[in-house]
C-alpha atoms as a PDB file:
ATOM      1  CA  MET A   1      62.716-141.946  33.636  1.00  0.00           C
ATOM      2  CA  ILE A   2      59.471-139.912  33.550  1.00  0.00           C
ATOM      3  CA  ARG A   3      57.661-140.236  36.875  1.00  0.00           C
ATOM      4  CA  VAL A   4      53.894-139.735  36.506  1.00  0.00           C
ATOM      5  CA  LEU A   5      51.393-139.305  39.331  1.00  0.00           C
ATOM      6  CA  VAL A   6      47.820-140.047  38.183  1.00  0.00           C
ATOM      7  CA  VAL A   7      45.274-138.268  40.400  1.00  0.00           C
ATOM      8  CA  ASP A   8      41.656-139.384  39.927  1.00  0.00           C
ATOM      9  CA  ASP A   9      38.899-140.541  42.289  1.00  0.00           C
ATOM     10  CA  SER A  10      37.732-143.175  39.769  1.00  0.00           C
ATOM     11  CA  ALA A  11      39.337-146.589  40.291  1.00  0.00           C
ATOM     12  CA  LEU A  12      38.545-147.430  36.649  1.00  0.00           C
ATOM     13  CA  VAL A  13      40.309-144.337  35.335  1.00  0.00           C
ATOM     14  CA  ARG A  14      43.353-145.028  37.503  1.00  0.00           C
ATOM     15  CA  LYS A  15      43.453-148.603  36.230  1.00  0.00           C
ATOM     16  CA  LEU A  16      43.140-147.603  32.572  1.00  0.00           C
ATOM     17  CA  PHE A  17      45.696-144.786  32.820  1.00  0.00           C
ATOM     18  CA  GLY A  18      48.052-147.160  34.612  1.00  0.00           C
ATOM     19  CA  ARG A  19      47.666-149.731  31.830  1.00  0.00           C
ATOM     20  CA  VAL A  20      48.386-147.155  29.118  1.00  0.00           C
ATOM     21  CA  LEU A  21      51.389-145.599  30.830  1.00  0.00           C
ATOM     22  CA  GLY A  22      52.686-148.947  32.080  1.00  0.00           C
ATOM     23  CA  ASN A  23      53.318-149.942  28.460  1.00  0.00           C
ATOM     24  CA  GLU A  24      55.922-147.171  28.162  1.00  0.00           C
ATOM     25  CA  LYS A  25      59.334-148.416  29.291  1.00  0.00           C
ATOM     26  CA  ASP A  26      60.564-144.982  30.360  1.00  0.00           C
ATOM     27  CA  ILE A  27      57.486-144.062  32.443  1.00  0.00           C
ATOM     28  CA  GLU A  28      56.964-144.940  36.121  1.00  0.00           C
ATOM     29  CA  VAL A  29      53.423-144.492  37.471  1.00  0.00           C
ATOM     30  CA  ARG A  30      51.895-143.950  40.888  1.00  0.00           C
ATOM     31  CA  PHE A  31      48.330-143.077  41.852  1.00  0.00           C
ATOM     32  CA  ALA A  32      46.329-140.829  44.191  1.00  0.00           C
ATOM     33  CA  ARG A  33      42.567-140.903  44.787  1.00  0.00           C
ATOM     34  CA  ASN A  34      42.099-137.216  45.599  1.00  0.00           C
ATOM     35  CA  GLY A  35      43.895-133.925  46.069  1.00  0.00           C
ATOM     36  CA  ILE A  36      44.928-134.613  49.650  1.00  0.00           C
ATOM     37  CA  GLU A  37      46.615-137.892  48.689  1.00  0.00           C
ATOM     38  CA  ALA A  38      48.202-136.155  45.695  1.00  0.00           C
ATOM     39  CA  LEU A  39      49.910-133.529  47.876  1.00  0.00           C
ATOM     40  CA  GLN A  40      51.316-136.276  50.080  1.00  0.00           C
ATOM     41  CA  GLN A  41      52.517-138.331  47.107  1.00  0.00           C
ATOM     42  CA  ILE A  42      54.207-135.327  45.483  1.00  0.00           C
ATOM     43  CA  GLU A  43      56.361-134.860  48.587  1.00  0.00           C
ATOM     44  CA  ASP A  44      57.616-138.455  48.429  1.00  0.00           C
ATOM     45  CA  PHE A  45      57.468-139.413  44.742  1.00  0.00           C
ATOM     46  CA  LYS A  46      58.582-136.075  43.261  1.00  0.00           C
ATOM     47  CA  PRO A  47      56.784-136.719  39.942  1.00  0.00           C
ATOM     48  CA  THR A  48      57.937-135.302  36.647  1.00  0.00           C
ATOM     49  CA  VAL A  49      54.304-134.882  35.570  1.00  0.00           C
ATOM     50  CA  VAL A  50      50.985-134.992  37.431  1.00  0.00           C
ATOM     51  CA  THR A  51      47.730-135.790  35.617  1.00  0.00           C
ATOM     52  CA  LEU A  52      44.958-134.162  37.615  1.00  0.00           C
ATOM     53  CA  ASP A  53      41.204-134.624  37.380  1.00  0.00           C
ATOM     54  CA  VAL A  54      39.074-131.588  38.254  1.00  0.00           C
ATOM     55  CA  GLN A  55      36.068-133.191  39.952  1.00  0.00           C
ATOM     56  CA  MET A  56      37.188-135.058  43.082  1.00  0.00           C
ATOM     57  CA  PRO A  57      35.941-135.379  46.682  1.00  0.00           C
ATOM     58  CA  GLU A  58      37.650-133.800  49.721  1.00  0.00           C
ATOM     59  CA  MET A  59      39.833-131.507  47.598  1.00  0.00           C
ATOM     60  CA  ASP A  60      39.001-130.803  43.963  1.00  0.00           C
ATOM     61  CA  GLY A  61      41.522-130.491  41.180  1.00  0.00           C
ATOM     62  CA  LEU A  62      41.672-126.697  41.068  1.00  0.00           C
ATOM     63  CA  GLU A  63      42.277-126.375  44.804  1.00  0.00           C
ATOM     64  CA  CYS A  64      44.885-129.121  44.590  1.00  0.00           C
ATOM     65  CA  LEU A  65      46.591-127.435  41.634  1.00  0.00           C
ATOM     66  CA  ASP A  66      46.741-124.134  43.510  1.00  0.00           C
ATOM     67  CA  ARG A  67      48.421-125.887  46.443  1.00  0.00           C
ATOM     68  CA  ILE A  68      50.838-127.747  44.150  1.00  0.00           C
ATOM     69  CA  MET A  69      52.008-124.591  42.395  1.00  0.00           C
ATOM     70  CA  VAL A  70      52.631-122.827  45.718  1.00  0.00           C
ATOM     71  CA  GLU A  71      54.081-125.685  47.767  1.00  0.00           C
ATOM     72  CA  ASN A  72      55.791-128.040  45.285  1.00  0.00           C
ATOM     73  CA  PRO A  73      55.632-126.636  41.754  1.00  0.00           C
ATOM     74  CA  CYS A  74      55.642-129.326  39.092  1.00  0.00           C
ATOM     75  CA  ARG A  75      54.272-129.946  35.616  1.00  0.00           C
ATOM     76  CA  VAL A  76      50.544-130.647  35.695  1.00  0.00           C
ATOM     77  CA  VAL A  77      48.322-131.910  32.853  1.00  0.00           C
ATOM     78  CA  MET A  78      44.617-131.445  33.604  1.00  0.00           C
ATOM     79  CA  VAL A  79      42.209-134.223  32.632  1.00  0.00           C
ATOM     80  CA  SER A  80      39.182-132.342  31.373  1.00  0.00           C
ATOM     81  CA  SER A  81      35.637-133.089  30.299  1.00  0.00           C
ATOM     82  CA  ARG A  82      34.373-131.865  26.929  1.00  0.00           C
ATOM     83  CA  THR A  83      31.603-129.715  28.430  1.00  0.00           C
ATOM     84  CA  ALA A  84      31.426-125.920  28.648  1.00  0.00           C
ATOM     85  CA  ASP A  85      32.042-126.185  32.401  1.00  0.00           C
ATOM     86  CA  GLY A  86      35.034-128.378  31.685  1.00  0.00           C
ATOM     87  CA  ALA A  87      36.447-125.732  29.328  1.00  0.00           C
ATOM     88  CA  ASP A  88      36.050-122.954  31.904  1.00  0.00           C
ATOM     89  CA  GLU A  89      37.660-125.047  34.640  1.00  0.00           C
ATOM     90  CA  THR A  90      40.544-126.009  32.371  1.00  0.00           C
ATOM     91  CA  LEU A  91      41.249-122.403  31.406  1.00  0.00           C
ATOM     92  CA  ARG A  92      41.260-121.496  35.104  1.00  0.00           C
ATOM     93  CA  ALA A  93      43.726-124.328  35.665  1.00  0.00           C
ATOM     94  CA  LEU A  94      46.025-123.049  32.916  1.00  0.00           C
ATOM     95  CA  ARG A  95      46.010-119.623  34.574  1.00  0.00           C
ATOM     96  CA  LEU A  96      46.889-121.255  37.903  1.00  0.00           C
ATOM     97  CA  GLY A  97      49.917-122.916  36.336  1.00  0.00           C
ATOM     98  CA  ALA A  98      48.916-126.167  34.615  1.00  0.00           C
ATOM     99  CA  VAL A  99      51.101-126.870  31.589  1.00  0.00           C
ATOM    100  CA  ASP A 100      48.467-128.494  29.381  1.00  0.00           C
ATOM    101  CA  PHE A 101      45.258-130.525  29.352  1.00  0.00           C
ATOM    102  CA  VAL A 102      43.894-133.673  27.797  1.00  0.00           C
ATOM    103  CA  LEU A 103      40.244-134.388  27.049  1.00  0.00           C
ATOM    104  CA  LYS A 104      38.582-137.439  28.535  1.00  0.00           C
ATOM    105  CA  PRO A 105      37.229-139.893  25.953  1.00  0.00           C
ATOM    106  CA  ALA A 106      33.636-139.189  24.976  1.00  0.00           C
ATOM    107  CA  GLY A 107      31.187-141.654  26.535  1.00  0.00           C
ATOM    108  CA  ALA A 108      32.533-144.580  28.545  1.00  0.00           C
ATOM    109  CA  VAL A 109      36.232-144.116  29.272  1.00  0.00           C
ATOM    110  CA  SER A 110      36.964-147.815  28.796  1.00  0.00           C
ATOM    111  CA  LEU A 111      35.483-147.802  25.277  1.00  0.00           C
ATOM    112  CA  GLY A 112      37.487-144.795  24.111  1.00  0.00           C
ATOM    113  CA  ILE A 113      40.794-145.672  25.712  1.00  0.00           C
ATOM    114  CA  GLU A 114      42.462-147.034  22.539  1.00  0.00           C
ATOM    115  CA  GLU A 115      42.051-143.708  20.735  1.00  0.00           C
ATOM    116  CA  PHE A 116      42.803-141.751  23.889  1.00  0.00           C
ATOM    117  CA  ALA A 117      45.987-143.622  24.859  1.00  0.00           C
ATOM    118  CA  PRO A 118      48.429-142.067  22.343  1.00  0.00           C
ATOM    119  CA  GLN A 119      47.100-138.582  23.145  1.00  0.00           C
ATOM    120  CA  LEU A 120      47.716-139.133  26.845  1.00  0.00           C
ATOM    121  CA  VAL A 121      51.252-140.389  26.295  1.00  0.00           C
ATOM    122  CA  GLU A 122      52.068-137.522  23.920  1.00  0.00           C
ATOM    123  CA  LYS A 123      50.747-134.892  26.335  1.00  0.00           C
ATOM    124  CA  ILE A 124      52.792-136.350  29.186  1.00  0.00           C
ATOM    125  CA  ARG A 125      55.971-136.458  27.108  1.00  0.00           C
ATOM    126  CA  ILE A 126      55.470-132.839  26.014  1.00  0.00           C
ATOM    127  CA  ALA A 127      54.738-131.741  29.587  1.00  0.00           C
ATOM    128  CA  ALA A 128      57.878-133.498  30.827  1.00  0.00           C
ATOM    129  CA  THR A 129      59.979-131.132  28.678  1.00  0.00           C
ATOM    130  CA  ALA A 130      58.026-127.975  29.565  1.00  0.00           C
ATOM    131  CA  LYS A 131      59.375-125.157  31.665  1.00  0.00           C
ATOM    132  CA  LEU A 132      57.594-124.245  34.876  1.00  0.00           C
ATOM    133  CA  LYS A 133      56.988-120.652  33.800  1.00  0.00           C
ATOM    134  CA  ALA A 134      53.197-120.280  34.012  1.00  0.00           C
ATOM    135  CA  SER A 135      52.864-119.272  37.663  1.00  0.00           C
ATOM    136  CA  SER A 136      55.724-116.765  37.539  1.00  0.00           C
ATOM    137  CA  ARG A 137      54.310-115.331  34.331  1.00  0.00           C
ATOM    138  CA  LEU A 138      51.039-114.559  36.094  1.00  0.00           C
ATOM    139  CA  ARG A 139      52.946-112.320  38.469  1.00  0.00           C
ATOM    140  CA  GLU A 140      54.878-110.767  35.607  1.00  0.00           C
ATOM    141  CA  ARG A 141      51.647-109.927  33.778  1.00  0.00           C
ATOM    142  CA  VAL A 142      50.112-108.220  36.805  1.00  0.00           C
ATOM    143  CA  LEU A 143      53.242-106.195  37.441  1.00  0.00           C
ATOM    144  CA  HIS A 144      53.547-105.351  33.763  1.00  0.00           C
ATOM    145  CA  ARG A 145      49.952-103.986  33.646  1.00  0.00           C
ATOM    146  CA  THR A 146      50.586-101.767  36.653  1.00  0.00           C
ATOM    147  CA  GLY A 147      53.761-100.435  35.111  1.00  0.00           C
ATOM    148  CA  ARG A 148      56.017-101.612  37.943  1.00  0.00           C
ATOM    149  CA  ARG A 149      58.058-104.122  35.963  1.00  0.00           C
ATOM    150  CA  ARG A 150      60.677-103.341  33.378  1.00  0.00           C
ATOM    151  CA  ALA A 151      61.815-105.967  30.930  1.00  0.00           C
ATOM    152  CA  GLN A 152      64.485-108.145  32.498  1.00  0.00           C
ATOM    153  CA  VAL A 153      65.431-109.959  29.303  1.00  0.00           C
ATOM    154  CA  ALA A 154      66.894-107.935  26.472  1.00  0.00           C
ATOM    155  CA  ALA A 155      65.173-108.382  23.132  1.00  0.00           C
ATOM    156  CA  ARG A 156      67.301-109.717  20.323  1.00  0.00           C
ATOM    157  CA  GLY A 157      66.613-108.354  16.865  1.00  0.00           C
ATOM    158  CA  ARG A 158      68.017-108.598  13.369  1.00  0.00           C
ATOM    159  CA  ARG A 159      66.419-105.471  12.005  1.00  0.00           C
ATOM    160  CA  GLU A 160      65.713-101.896  12.994  1.00  0.00           C
ATOM    161  CA  THR A 161      62.204-101.073  14.164  1.00  0.00           C
ATOM    162  CA  ALA A 162      60.251 -99.242  11.456  1.00  0.00           C
ATOM    163  CA  ARG A 163      56.593 -98.379  11.927  1.00  0.00           C
ATOM    164  CA  ALA A 164      54.335 -99.685   9.156  1.00  0.00           C
ATOM    165  CA  ALA A 165      51.762 -97.463   7.467  1.00  0.00           C
ATOM    166  CA  GLY A 166      48.250 -98.222   6.254  1.00  0.00           C
ATOM    167  CA  ASP A 167      46.124-101.275   6.956  1.00  0.00           C
ATOM    168  CA  GLY A 168      47.533-104.660   7.822  1.00  0.00           C
ATOM    169  CA  LEU A 169      47.142-107.795   9.923  1.00  0.00           C
ATOM    170  CA  VAL A 170      48.842-109.404  12.904  1.00  0.00           C
ATOM    171  CA  LEU A 171      48.980-113.213  12.677  1.00  0.00           C
ATOM    172  CA  VAL A 172      49.569-115.140  15.902  1.00  0.00           C
ATOM    173  CA  GLY A 173      50.317-118.836  16.329  1.00  0.00           C
ATOM    174  CA  THR A 174      50.666-120.746  19.599  1.00  0.00           C
ATOM    175  CA  SER A 175      50.033-124.125  21.207  1.00  0.00           C
ATOM    176  CA  THR A 176      51.102-125.584  24.585  1.00  0.00           C
ATOM    177  CA  GLY A 177      51.162-122.720  27.093  1.00  0.00           C
ATOM    178  CA  GLY A 178      49.265-120.520  24.663  1.00  0.00           C
ATOM    179  CA  PRO A 179      46.303-119.298  26.770  1.00  0.00           C
ATOM    180  CA  SER A 180      48.587-117.619  29.313  1.00  0.00           C
ATOM    181  CA  ALA A 181      50.853-116.288  26.570  1.00  0.00           C
ATOM    182  CA  LEU A 182      47.856-114.840  24.723  1.00  0.00           C
ATOM    183  CA  GLU A 183      46.741-113.046  27.862  1.00  0.00           C
ATOM    184  CA  ALA A 184      50.217-111.562  28.264  1.00  0.00           C
ATOM    185  CA  LEU A 185      50.200-110.485  24.605  1.00  0.00           C
ATOM    186  CA  LEU A 186      46.678-109.062  24.367  1.00  0.00           C
ATOM    187  CA  ALA A 187      45.983-107.540  27.797  1.00  0.00           C
ATOM    188  CA  PRO A 188      48.367-104.566  27.378  1.00  0.00           C
ATOM    189  CA  LEU A 189      47.021-103.575  23.928  1.00  0.00           C
ATOM    190  CA  PRO A 190      44.712-100.534  23.730  1.00  0.00           C
ATOM    191  CA  ALA A 191      41.128-100.797  22.479  1.00  0.00           C
ATOM    192  CA  GLY A 192      42.164 -98.737  19.449  1.00  0.00           C
ATOM    193  CA  PHE A 193      44.943-101.087  18.320  1.00  0.00           C
ATOM    194  CA  PRO A 194      45.133-100.261  14.599  1.00  0.00           C
ATOM    195  CA  TRP A 195      45.238-103.704  12.961  1.00  0.00           C
ATOM    196  CA  PRO A 196      43.069-106.815  13.325  1.00  0.00           C
ATOM    197  CA  ILE A 197      44.769-109.729  15.101  1.00  0.00           C
ATOM    198  CA  LEU A 198      44.103-113.325  14.028  1.00  0.00           C
ATOM    199  CA  VAL A 199      45.008-116.170  16.388  1.00  0.00           C
ATOM    200  CA  ALA A 200      45.616-119.840  15.625  1.00  0.00           C
ATOM    201  CA  GLN A 201      45.695-121.527  19.051  1.00  0.00           C
ATOM    202  CA  HIS A 202      45.929-125.325  18.928  1.00  0.00           C
ATOM    203  CA  MET A 203      42.842-126.295  20.919  1.00  0.00           C
ATOM    204  CA  PRO A 204      39.642-128.361  20.554  1.00  0.00           C
ATOM    205  CA  ALA A 205      36.452-126.709  19.312  1.00  0.00           C
ATOM    206  CA  SER A 206      34.808-127.083  22.720  1.00  0.00           C
ATOM    207  CA  PHE A 207      37.474-124.817  24.248  1.00  0.00           C
ATOM    208  CA  THR A 208      38.147-121.973  21.809  1.00  0.00           C
ATOM    209  CA  GLY A 209      34.850-120.226  22.553  1.00  0.00           C
ATOM    210  CA  ALA A 210      35.577-120.224  26.297  1.00  0.00           C
ATOM    211  CA  LEU A 211      39.096-118.955  25.591  1.00  0.00           C
ATOM    212  CA  ALA A 212      37.785-116.064  23.473  1.00  0.00           C
ATOM    213  CA  LYS A 213      35.214-115.148  26.135  1.00  0.00           C
ATOM    214  CA  ARG A 214      37.803-115.120  28.920  1.00  0.00           C
ATOM    215  CA  LEU A 215      40.269-113.029  26.919  1.00  0.00           C
ATOM    216  CA  ASP A 216      37.520-110.586  25.946  1.00  0.00           C
ATOM    217  CA  GLU A 217      36.726-110.047  29.638  1.00  0.00           C
ATOM    218  CA  LEU A 218      40.392-109.379  30.437  1.00  0.00           C
ATOM    219  CA  CYS A 219      41.419-107.219  27.480  1.00  0.00           C
ATOM    220  CA  ALA A 220      40.617-103.756  26.105  1.00  0.00           C
ATOM    221  CA  VAL A 221      40.661-105.143  22.559  1.00  0.00           C
ATOM    222  CA  HIS A 222      37.509-107.054  21.575  1.00  0.00           C
ATOM    223  CA  VAL A 223      38.115-110.823  21.332  1.00  0.00           C
ATOM    224  CA  VAL A 224      35.758-113.160  19.458  1.00  0.00           C
ATOM    225  CA  GLU A 225      35.751-116.748  18.265  1.00  0.00           C
ATOM    226  CA  VAL A 226      35.278-116.998  14.504  1.00  0.00           C
ATOM    227  CA  LEU A 227      32.087-118.977  13.884  1.00  0.00           C
ATOM    228  CA  ARG A 228      31.183-117.701  10.402  1.00  0.00           C
ATOM    229  CA  PRO A 229      32.814-115.525   7.695  1.00  0.00           C
ATOM    230  CA  THR A 230      33.612-112.294   9.546  1.00  0.00           C
ATOM    231  CA  ALA A 231      34.826-108.918   8.254  1.00  0.00           C
ATOM    232  CA  LEU A 232      38.107-107.914   9.869  1.00  0.00           C
ATOM    233  CA  GLU A 233      38.173-104.674  11.856  1.00  0.00           C
ATOM    234  CA  ALA A 234      40.857-102.814  13.786  1.00  0.00           C
ATOM    235  CA  GLY A 235      40.856-103.280  17.541  1.00  0.00           C
ATOM    236  CA  ASN A 236      39.458-106.806  17.244  1.00  0.00           C
ATOM    237  CA  VAL A 237      41.060-110.188  17.893  1.00  0.00           C
ATOM    238  CA  TYR A 238      39.779-113.244  16.018  1.00  0.00           C
ATOM    239  CA  ILE A 239      40.303-116.674  17.605  1.00  0.00           C
ATOM    240  CA  GLY A 240      40.103-119.585  15.167  1.00  0.00           C
ATOM    241  CA  ARG A 241      37.598-122.280  16.079  1.00  0.00           C
ATOM    242  CA  GLY A 242      39.243-125.502  17.230  1.00  0.00           C
ATOM    243  CA  ASP A 243      39.397-128.620  15.046  1.00  0.00           C
ATOM    244  CA  ALA A 244      39.298-126.413  11.911  1.00  0.00           C
ATOM    245  CA  ASP A 245      41.666-123.896  10.320  1.00  0.00           C
ATOM    246  CA  LEU A 246      41.416-120.108  10.423  1.00  0.00           C
ATOM    247  CA  ILE A 247      42.078-118.509   7.031  1.00  0.00           C
ATOM    248  CA  VAL A 248      42.043-115.041   5.495  1.00  0.00           C
ATOM    249  CA  THR A 249      40.020-114.373   2.371  1.00  0.00           C
ATOM    250  CA  ARG A 250      38.584-111.367   0.565  1.00  0.00           C
ATOM    251  CA  ARG A 251      34.933-110.718  -0.358  1.00  0.00           C
ATOM    252  CA  SER A 252      33.629-107.616  -2.104  1.00  0.00           C
ATOM    253  CA  GLY A 253      36.977-105.975  -1.487  1.00  0.00           C
ATOM    254  CA  ARG A 254      36.915-106.610   2.277  1.00  0.00           C
ATOM    255  CA  LEU A 255      39.279-108.828   4.205  1.00  0.00           C
ATOM    256  CA  MET A 256      37.449-111.622   5.993  1.00  0.00           C
ATOM    257  CA  ALA A 257      38.300-114.330   8.509  1.00  0.00           C
ATOM    258  CA  MET A 258      36.633-117.711   8.174  1.00  0.00           C
ATOM    259  CA  ASN A 259      37.037-121.305   9.298  1.00  0.00           C
ATOM    260  CA  ALA A 260      38.008-123.984   6.804  1.00  0.00           C
ATOM    261  CA  PRO A 261      37.844-127.767   7.257  1.00  0.00           C
ATOM    262  CA  ALA A 262      41.084-129.422   8.298  1.00  0.00           C
ATOM    263  CA  GLU A 263      43.245-130.166   5.265  1.00  0.00           C
ATOM    264  CA  ALA A 264      45.876-132.827   4.600  1.00  0.00           C
ATOM    265  CA  GLY A 265      49.375-131.487   5.093  1.00  0.00           C
ATOM    266  CA  TYR A 266      48.502-129.446   8.166  1.00  0.00           C
ATOM    267  CA  PRO A 267      48.799-131.718  11.229  1.00  0.00           C
ATOM    268  CA  TRP A 268      47.859-129.122  13.886  1.00  0.00           C
ATOM    269  CA  HIS A 269      44.623-127.167  14.101  1.00  0.00           C
ATOM    270  CA  PRO A 270      43.933-124.346  13.841  1.00  0.00           C
ATOM    271  CA  SER A 271      47.028-124.324  11.644  1.00  0.00           C
ATOM    272  CA  THR A 272      49.401-121.356  11.887  1.00  0.00           C
ATOM    273  CA  ASN A 273      51.090-122.266   8.605  1.00  0.00           C
ATOM    274  CA  ARG A 274      47.761-122.279   6.794  1.00  0.00           C
ATOM    275  CA  LEU A 275      46.690-118.979   8.388  1.00  0.00           C
ATOM    276  CA  VAL A 276      49.883-117.230   7.265  1.00  0.00           C
ATOM    277  CA  SER A 277      49.765-118.797   3.805  1.00  0.00           C
ATOM    278  CA  SER A 278      46.189-117.588   3.267  1.00  0.00           C
ATOM    279  CA  ALA A 279      47.044-114.070   4.430  1.00  0.00           C
ATOM    280  CA  LEU A 280      49.938-113.857   1.981  1.00  0.00           C
ATOM    281  CA  ARG A 281      47.501-114.488  -0.885  1.00  0.00           C
ATOM    282  CA  HIS A 282      45.438-111.404  -0.029  1.00  0.00           C
ATOM    283  CA  VAL A 283      47.709-108.940   1.799  1.00  0.00           C
ATOM    284  CA  ALA A 284      51.108-107.477   0.875  1.00  0.00           C
ATOM    285  CA  PRO A 285      53.835-109.077   3.027  1.00  0.00           C
ATOM    286  CA  THR A 286      54.968-105.636   4.184  1.00  0.00           C
ATOM    287  CA  GLN A 287      51.534-105.215   5.818  1.00  0.00           C
ATOM    288  CA  LEU A 288      51.758-108.417   7.832  1.00  0.00           C
ATOM    289  CA  ILE A 289      53.331-109.130  11.220  1.00  0.00           C
ATOM    290  CA  GLY A 290      53.733-112.741  12.335  1.00  0.00           C
ATOM    291  CA  VAL A 291      54.002-113.633  16.029  1.00  0.00           C
ATOM    292  CA  LEU A 292      54.980-117.189  16.990  1.00  0.00           C
ATOM    293  CA  MET A 293      54.748-118.119  20.654  1.00  0.00           C
ATOM    294  CA  THR A 294      55.080-121.112  22.951  1.00  0.00           C
ATOM    295  CA  GLY A 295      54.219-124.553  21.608  1.00  0.00           C
ATOM    296  CA  MET A 296      55.553-127.993  20.744  1.00  0.00           C
ATOM    297  CA  GLY A 297      56.411-128.777  17.138  1.00  0.00           C
ATOM    298  CA  ASN A 298      57.097-126.439  14.233  1.00  0.00           C
ATOM    299  CA  ASP A 299      53.685-125.143  13.102  1.00  0.00           C
ATOM    300  CA  GLY A 300      54.081-121.637  11.684  1.00  0.00           C
ATOM    301  CA  ALA A 301      57.870-121.648  11.355  1.00  0.00           C
ATOM    302  CA  ALA A 302      57.969-122.372   7.603  1.00  0.00           C
ATOM    303  CA  GLU A 303      55.324-119.847   6.522  1.00  0.00           C
ATOM    304  CA  MET A 304      56.490-117.123   8.890  1.00  0.00           C
ATOM    305  CA  THR A 305      59.994-117.564   7.513  1.00  0.00           C
ATOM    306  CA  ARG A 306      58.554-117.152   4.010  1.00  0.00           C
ATOM    307  CA  LEU A 307      56.658-114.072   5.212  1.00  0.00           C
ATOM    308  CA  GLN A 308      59.855-112.562   6.574  1.00  0.00           C
ATOM    309  CA  GLN A 309      61.804-113.324   3.392  1.00  0.00           C
ATOM    310  CA  ARG A 310      59.141-111.515   1.353  1.00  0.00           C
ATOM    311  CA  GLY A 311      59.372-108.354   3.433  1.00  0.00           C
ATOM    312  CA  GLY A 312      56.999-108.990   6.314  1.00  0.00           C
ATOM    313  CA  MET A 313      57.928-108.670   9.978  1.00  0.00           C
ATOM    314  CA  THR A 314      58.159-111.553  12.458  1.00  0.00           C
ATOM    315  CA  ILE A 315      58.452-111.912  16.230  1.00  0.00           C
ATOM    316  CA  ALA A 316      59.340-115.118  18.079  1.00  0.00           C
ATOM    317  CA  GLU A 317      58.777-115.585  21.787  1.00  0.00           C
ATOM    318  CA  SER A 318      62.123-116.070  23.510  1.00  0.00           C
ATOM    319  CA  GLU A 319      63.190-119.286  25.172  1.00  0.00           C
ATOM    320  CA  ASP A 320      63.320-117.436  28.492  1.00  0.00           C
ATOM    321  CA  THR A 321      59.517-117.248  28.780  1.00  0.00           C
ATOM    322  CA  ALA A 322      58.165-119.979  26.469  1.00  0.00           C
ATOM    323  CA  VAL A 323      56.665-122.964  28.280  1.00  0.00           C
ATOM    324  CA  VAL A 324      57.784-125.066  25.291  1.00  0.00           C
ATOM    325  CA  TRP A 325      60.250-123.425  22.894  1.00  0.00           C
ATOM    326  CA  GLY A 326      59.339-125.594  19.939  1.00  0.00           C
ATOM    327  CA  MET A 327      57.425-123.429  17.467  1.00  0.00           C
ATOM    328  CA  PRO A 328      59.235-120.134  18.137  1.00  0.00           C
ATOM    329  CA  GLY A 329      62.563-121.958  18.423  1.00  0.00           C
ATOM    330  CA  GLU A 330      62.072-123.446  14.959  1.00  0.00           C
ATOM    331  CA  LEU A 331      61.388-119.971  13.559  1.00  0.00           C
ATOM    332  CA  VAL A 332      64.582-118.647  15.134  1.00  0.00           C
ATOM    333  CA  ALA A 333      66.576-121.664  13.900  1.00  0.00           C
ATOM    334  CA  ALA A 334      65.311-121.078  10.357  1.00  0.00           C
ATOM    335  CA  GLY A 335      66.503-117.481  10.465  1.00  0.00           C
ATOM    336  CA  GLY A 336      62.942-116.237  10.097  1.00  0.00           C
ATOM    337  CA  ALA A 337      62.601-114.162  13.284  1.00  0.00           C
ATOM    338  CA  ASP A 338      63.245-110.430  13.055  1.00  0.00           C
ATOM    339  CA  TRP A 339      62.863-110.078  16.810  1.00  0.00           C
ATOM    340  CA  THR A 340      63.069-112.580  19.651  1.00  0.00           C
ATOM    341  CA  GLU A 341      61.193-111.196  22.639  1.00  0.00           C
ATOM    342  CA  PRO A 342      60.101-112.354  26.102  1.00  0.00           C
ATOM    343  CA  VAL A 343      56.333-112.689  26.052  1.00  0.00           C
ATOM    344  CA  HIS A 344      55.734-109.606  28.207  1.00  0.00           C
ATOM    345  CA  ASN A 345      57.553-107.426  25.630  1.00  0.00           C
ATOM    346  CA  ILE A 346      55.690-108.530  22.504  1.00  0.00           C
ATOM    347  CA  ALA A 347      52.712-106.166  22.918  1.00  0.00           C
ATOM    348  CA  ALA A 348      55.029-103.168  23.170  1.00  0.00           C
ATOM    349  CA  ARG A 349      56.921-104.338  20.088  1.00  0.00           C
ATOM    350  CA  LEU A 350      53.657-104.631  18.135  1.00  0.00           C
ATOM    351  CA  GLN A 351      52.724-101.083  19.089  1.00  0.00           C
ATOM    352  CA  GLU A 352      56.110 -99.875  17.835  1.00  0.00           C
ATOM    353  CA  LEU A 353      55.662-101.658  14.492  1.00  0.00           C
ATOM    354  CA  THR A 354      52.052-100.678  13.687  1.00  0.00           C
ATOM    355  CA  PRO A 355      50.517 -97.252  13.014  1.00  0.00           C
ATOM    356  CA  SER A 356      49.555 -95.206  16.056  1.00  0.00           C
ATOM    357  CA  ALA A 357      46.490 -96.527  17.866  1.00  0.00           C
ATOM    358  CA  VAL A 358      43.160 -95.190  16.606  1.00  0.00           C
ATOM    359  CA  ASP A 359      40.290 -93.989  18.778  1.00  0.00           C
ATOM    360  CA  PRO A 360      37.872 -96.858  19.542  1.00  0.00           C
END
């Protein structure tokens, strides 16, 4: 049985969420009107998943989340607005330890509930299987940056490390748990990292810009959201815009990143499979490195396996650190991962595989 605590100050939202989740035979639901009630309920109910609104009286969602992750860690799905402020608050929540988020229906909640209902149920089911790794990973990242933490999980590899030469690309795919994993991947890289990095993070369009901005503030590499056809340059990270697909193309001899409308056959967006497939059309496989990190489903596993079979290099995040070991686990199961690394080791592995860093 999945026990869900719905925390929202709106009686209407509580009623509608209760109706949606009450239709699921394996879900038990309780409710709290604010953060203070939520902390009390968590002690007694011991929920599998908490859905947590940000804007609430007495104790807001972020303060409540902080208390939850310190006092009674559990899986939390944030209920977010579609605004820029909502995106910033949600990214803060993911850094504090929330597993995932779901967007409130646009306009009146009651009118959009039919479309929203399956998304809510899916997010809760995914969260119920997630590992509570986010808060500990924050500590690991800080210690890693200060050089006081050595890897505690041995990397598993199927091939000897050999540094590539010349120009190339790093292709990254991730979903649930991705924002924290991306920070762990990108923060240790030097400003002169020699290859462009392209990122397909499953996320709505209203959030990818805020994600790129936050990562750019935290990292030495320059991080941007792709809004128009953009020439690829070393030392830069390109985040695909949500609700579309990030692809690689070539114009006037230069490699470019651009967004493409969602296409049938690719159920998740931005699509990792489509990103890798497009790169293989324009770049030799030996000049590509695929990185597949935490996320539900199998996006990226098929094309990264094809990349590896054609001579490219691939890294899967290990089960030890992945919030959800779906995407990287599928790559490992397919035999397409050259290395399986805890997330805090992937940056070092990339620096071993690419040419020496260039001056920024």
